[in-house]
Amino acid sequence: MPSELIGILILAVLVFFFIVITLVNKKTPVPQSCEHAYHEAQASGCDACAISGGCTIREALDKIKEIGK
């Protein structure tokens, strides 16, 4: 098996694992112990969402608020 094929196969496996881990991470709820830190970040004007293209923390907290009602 040529070394280029092995390299491509290893890269494909790494990309696959990255995609799977990202999808599983999106489904994980925010722990209650992190809510305080989230609120502090919102009060201080967190810019990370603008850099990364979206705030999944905000979506998770919105879901938590809906569940708590």
N, C-alpha and C. Protein backbone atom coordinates (compact mmCIF):
# COMPACT_ATOMS: atom_id res chain seq x y z
N MET A 1 0.85 -1.17 0.00
CA MET A 1 0.00 0.00 0.00
C MET A 1 0.90 1.24 0.00
N PRO A 2 0.72 2.11 -0.96
CA PRO A 2 1.59 3.30 -1.04
C PRO A 2 1.41 4.21 0.18
N SER A 3 2.48 4.90 0.53
CA SER A 3 2.45 5.75 1.72
C SER A 3 1.46 6.90 1.57
N GLU A 4 1.22 7.38 0.34
CA GLU A 4 0.25 8.47 0.14
C GLU A 4 -1.16 8.00 0.50
N LEU A 5 -1.48 6.77 0.14
CA LEU A 5 -2.80 6.23 0.45
C LEU A 5 -2.99 6.07 1.96
N ILE A 6 -1.95 5.64 2.63
CA ILE A 6 -2.02 5.51 4.09
C ILE A 6 -2.23 6.89 4.72
N GLY A 7 -1.53 7.89 4.24
CA GLY A 7 -1.67 9.25 4.76
C GLY A 7 -3.07 9.79 4.55
N ILE A 8 -3.63 9.56 3.37
CA ILE A 8 -4.99 10.01 3.07
C ILE A 8 -6.00 9.28 3.95
N LEU A 9 -5.80 8.00 4.15
CA LEU A 9 -6.69 7.21 5.00
C LEU A 9 -6.66 7.70 6.45
N ILE A 10 -5.47 7.99 6.96
CA ILE A 10 -5.35 8.50 8.33
C ILE A 10 -6.03 9.86 8.45
N LEU A 11 -5.85 10.72 7.47
CA LEU A 11 -6.48 12.03 7.48
C LEU A 11 -8.01 11.91 7.42
N ALA A 12 -8.50 11.01 6.60
CA ALA A 12 -9.95 10.80 6.49
C ALA A 12 -10.53 10.30 7.82
N VAL A 13 -9.84 9.41 8.50
CA VAL A 13 -10.30 8.90 9.79
C VAL A 13 -10.33 10.04 10.82
N LEU A 14 -9.31 10.88 10.83
CA LEU A 14 -9.27 12.00 11.77
C LEU A 14 -10.42 12.99 11.50
N VAL A 15 -10.68 13.28 10.23
CA VAL A 15 -11.78 14.18 9.90
C VAL A 15 -13.11 13.57 10.31
N PHE A 16 -13.29 12.29 10.08
CA PHE A 16 -14.51 11.60 10.48
C PHE A 16 -14.72 11.70 11.99
N PHE A 17 -13.68 11.43 12.78
CA PHE A 17 -13.80 11.52 14.23
C PHE A 17 -14.10 12.95 14.67
N PHE A 18 -13.50 13.93 14.03
CA PHE A 18 -13.76 15.32 14.37
C PHE A 18 -15.23 15.66 14.14
N ILE A 19 -15.79 15.22 13.02
CA ILE A 19 -17.20 15.50 12.71
C ILE A 19 -18.11 14.82 13.73
N VAL A 20 -17.83 13.57 14.05
CA VAL A 20 -18.65 12.84 15.01
C VAL A 20 -18.59 13.50 16.39
N ILE A 21 -17.41 13.87 16.83
CA ILE A 21 -17.26 14.51 18.14
C ILE A 21 -17.97 15.85 18.16
N THR A 22 -17.92 16.61 17.07
CA THR A 22 -18.61 17.90 17.01
C THR A 22 -20.12 17.71 17.11
N LEU A 23 -20.66 16.73 16.41
CA LEU A 23 -22.10 16.48 16.47
C LEU A 23 -22.54 16.03 17.86
N VAL A 24 -21.77 15.19 18.49
CA VAL A 24 -22.11 14.72 19.83
C VAL A 24 -22.01 15.88 20.82
N ASN A 25 -21.02 16.75 20.65
CA ASN A 25 -20.84 17.88 21.55
C ASN A 25 -22.01 18.86 21.46
N LYS A 26 -22.58 19.05 20.28
CA LYS A 26 -23.71 19.95 20.12
C LYS A 26 -24.94 19.44 20.87
N LYS A 27 -25.06 18.14 21.02
CA LYS A 27 -26.22 17.56 21.70
C LYS A 27 -26.05 17.53 23.22
N THR A 28 -24.85 17.81 23.71
CA THR A 28 -24.59 17.77 25.14
C THR A 28 -25.11 19.04 25.80
N PRO A 29 -25.95 18.91 26.83
CA PRO A 29 -26.47 20.11 27.50
C PRO A 29 -25.39 20.80 28.33
N VAL A 30 -25.58 22.09 28.54
CA VAL A 30 -24.65 22.87 29.36
C VAL A 30 -24.85 22.49 30.82
N PRO A 31 -23.79 22.16 31.53
CA PRO A 31 -23.93 21.82 32.95
C PRO A 31 -24.42 23.02 33.75
N GLN A 32 -25.18 22.77 34.78
CA GLN A 32 -25.72 23.85 35.59
C GLN A 32 -24.61 24.64 36.26
N SER A 33 -23.49 24.01 36.52
CA SER A 33 -22.38 24.71 37.16
C SER A 33 -21.74 25.75 36.24
N CYS A 34 -22.03 25.68 34.95
CA CYS A 34 -21.45 26.62 33.99
C CYS A 34 -22.35 27.83 33.72
N GLU A 35 -23.56 27.80 34.20
CA GLU A 35 -24.49 28.89 33.91
C GLU A 35 -23.98 30.23 34.44
N HIS A 36 -23.38 30.22 35.62
CA HIS A 36 -22.87 31.46 36.20
C HIS A 36 -21.78 32.05 35.31
N ALA A 37 -20.86 31.23 34.84
CA ALA A 37 -19.79 31.71 33.97
C ALA A 37 -20.35 32.25 32.66
N TYR A 38 -21.40 31.62 32.15
CA TYR A 38 -22.03 32.10 30.93
C TYR A 38 -22.62 33.49 31.13
N HIS A 39 -23.31 33.67 32.23
CA HIS A 39 -23.92 34.97 32.49
C HIS A 39 -22.86 36.05 32.67
N GLU A 40 -21.74 35.71 33.29
CA GLU A 40 -20.65 36.67 33.42
C GLU A 40 -20.09 37.05 32.05
N ALA A 41 -19.94 36.07 31.18
CA ALA A 41 -19.42 36.34 29.84
C ALA A 41 -20.38 37.22 29.05
N GLN A 42 -21.67 37.01 29.21
CA GLN A 42 -22.65 37.83 28.51
C GLN A 42 -22.63 39.26 29.03
N ALA A 43 -22.45 39.44 30.34
CA ALA A 43 -22.43 40.78 30.93
C ALA A 43 -21.18 41.55 30.49
N SER A 44 -20.08 40.84 30.25
CA SER A 44 -18.84 41.52 29.88
C SER A 44 -18.73 41.72 28.37
N GLY A 45 -19.72 41.32 27.61
CA GLY A 45 -19.68 41.52 26.16
C GLY A 45 -18.79 40.51 25.45
N CYS A 46 -19.07 39.26 25.64
CA CYS A 46 -18.29 38.18 25.03
C CYS A 46 -18.25 38.33 23.52
N ASP A 47 -17.04 38.36 22.92
CA ASP A 47 -16.87 38.51 21.47
C ASP A 47 -16.63 37.17 20.78
N ALA A 48 -16.50 36.11 21.52
CA ALA A 48 -16.13 34.82 20.93
C ALA A 48 -17.15 34.36 19.90
N CYS A 49 -18.41 34.71 20.09
CA CYS A 49 -19.44 34.27 19.15
C CYS A 49 -19.24 34.90 17.78
N ALA A 50 -18.85 36.16 17.76
CA ALA A 50 -18.63 36.84 16.49
C ALA A 50 -17.43 36.25 15.75
N ILE A 51 -16.46 35.78 16.50
CA ILE A 51 -15.27 35.22 15.88
C ILE A 51 -15.56 33.83 15.33
N SER A 52 -16.27 33.01 16.12
CA SER A 52 -16.48 31.62 15.71
C SER A 52 -17.67 31.44 14.78
N GLY A 53 -18.51 32.46 14.64
CA GLY A 53 -19.62 32.36 13.71
C GLY A 53 -20.93 31.95 14.33
N GLY A 54 -20.99 31.80 15.63
CA GLY A 54 -22.25 31.44 16.28
C GLY A 54 -22.02 31.10 17.73
N CYS A 55 -23.05 31.28 18.52
CA CYS A 55 -22.92 31.03 19.95
C CYS A 55 -23.79 29.84 20.34
N THR A 56 -23.18 28.69 20.48
CA THR A 56 -23.93 27.51 20.89
C THR A 56 -24.24 27.55 22.37
N ILE A 57 -23.47 28.35 23.14
CA ILE A 57 -23.76 28.48 24.56
C ILE A 57 -25.10 29.17 24.74
N ARG A 58 -25.33 30.22 23.95
CA ARG A 58 -26.60 30.94 24.04
C ARG A 58 -27.76 30.02 23.69
N GLU A 59 -27.62 29.22 22.66
CA GLU A 59 -28.68 28.30 22.28
C GLU A 59 -28.95 27.29 23.39
N ALA A 60 -27.89 26.79 24.01
CA ALA A 60 -28.04 25.82 25.08
C ALA A 60 -28.75 26.44 26.29
N LEU A 61 -28.39 27.67 26.62
CA LEU A 61 -29.05 28.31 27.76
C LEU A 61 -30.50 28.63 27.45
N ASP A 62 -30.80 28.96 26.21
CA ASP A 62 -32.20 29.19 25.84
C ASP A 62 -33.01 27.92 26.03
N LYS A 63 -32.42 26.78 25.69
CA LYS A 63 -33.08 25.50 25.87
C LYS A 63 -33.30 25.21 27.36
N ILE A 64 -32.28 25.55 28.18
CA ILE A 64 -32.39 25.34 29.62
C ILE A 64 -33.53 26.19 30.18
N LYS A 65 -33.63 27.44 29.71
CA LYS A 65 -34.70 28.31 30.19
C LYS A 65 -36.07 27.75 29.81
N GLU A 66 -36.19 27.18 28.59
CA GLU A 66 -37.45 26.60 28.16
C GLU A 66 -37.82 25.39 29.02
N ILE A 67 -36.84 24.59 29.36
CA ILE A 67 -37.09 23.40 30.16
C ILE A 67 -37.51 23.79 31.58
N GLY A 68 -36.92 24.89 32.10
CA GLY A 68 -37.21 25.33 33.46
C GLY A 68 -38.60 25.94 33.62
N LYS A 69 -39.25 26.31 32.52
CA LYS A 69 -40.57 26.96 32.62
C LYS A 69 -41.66 25.97 32.93
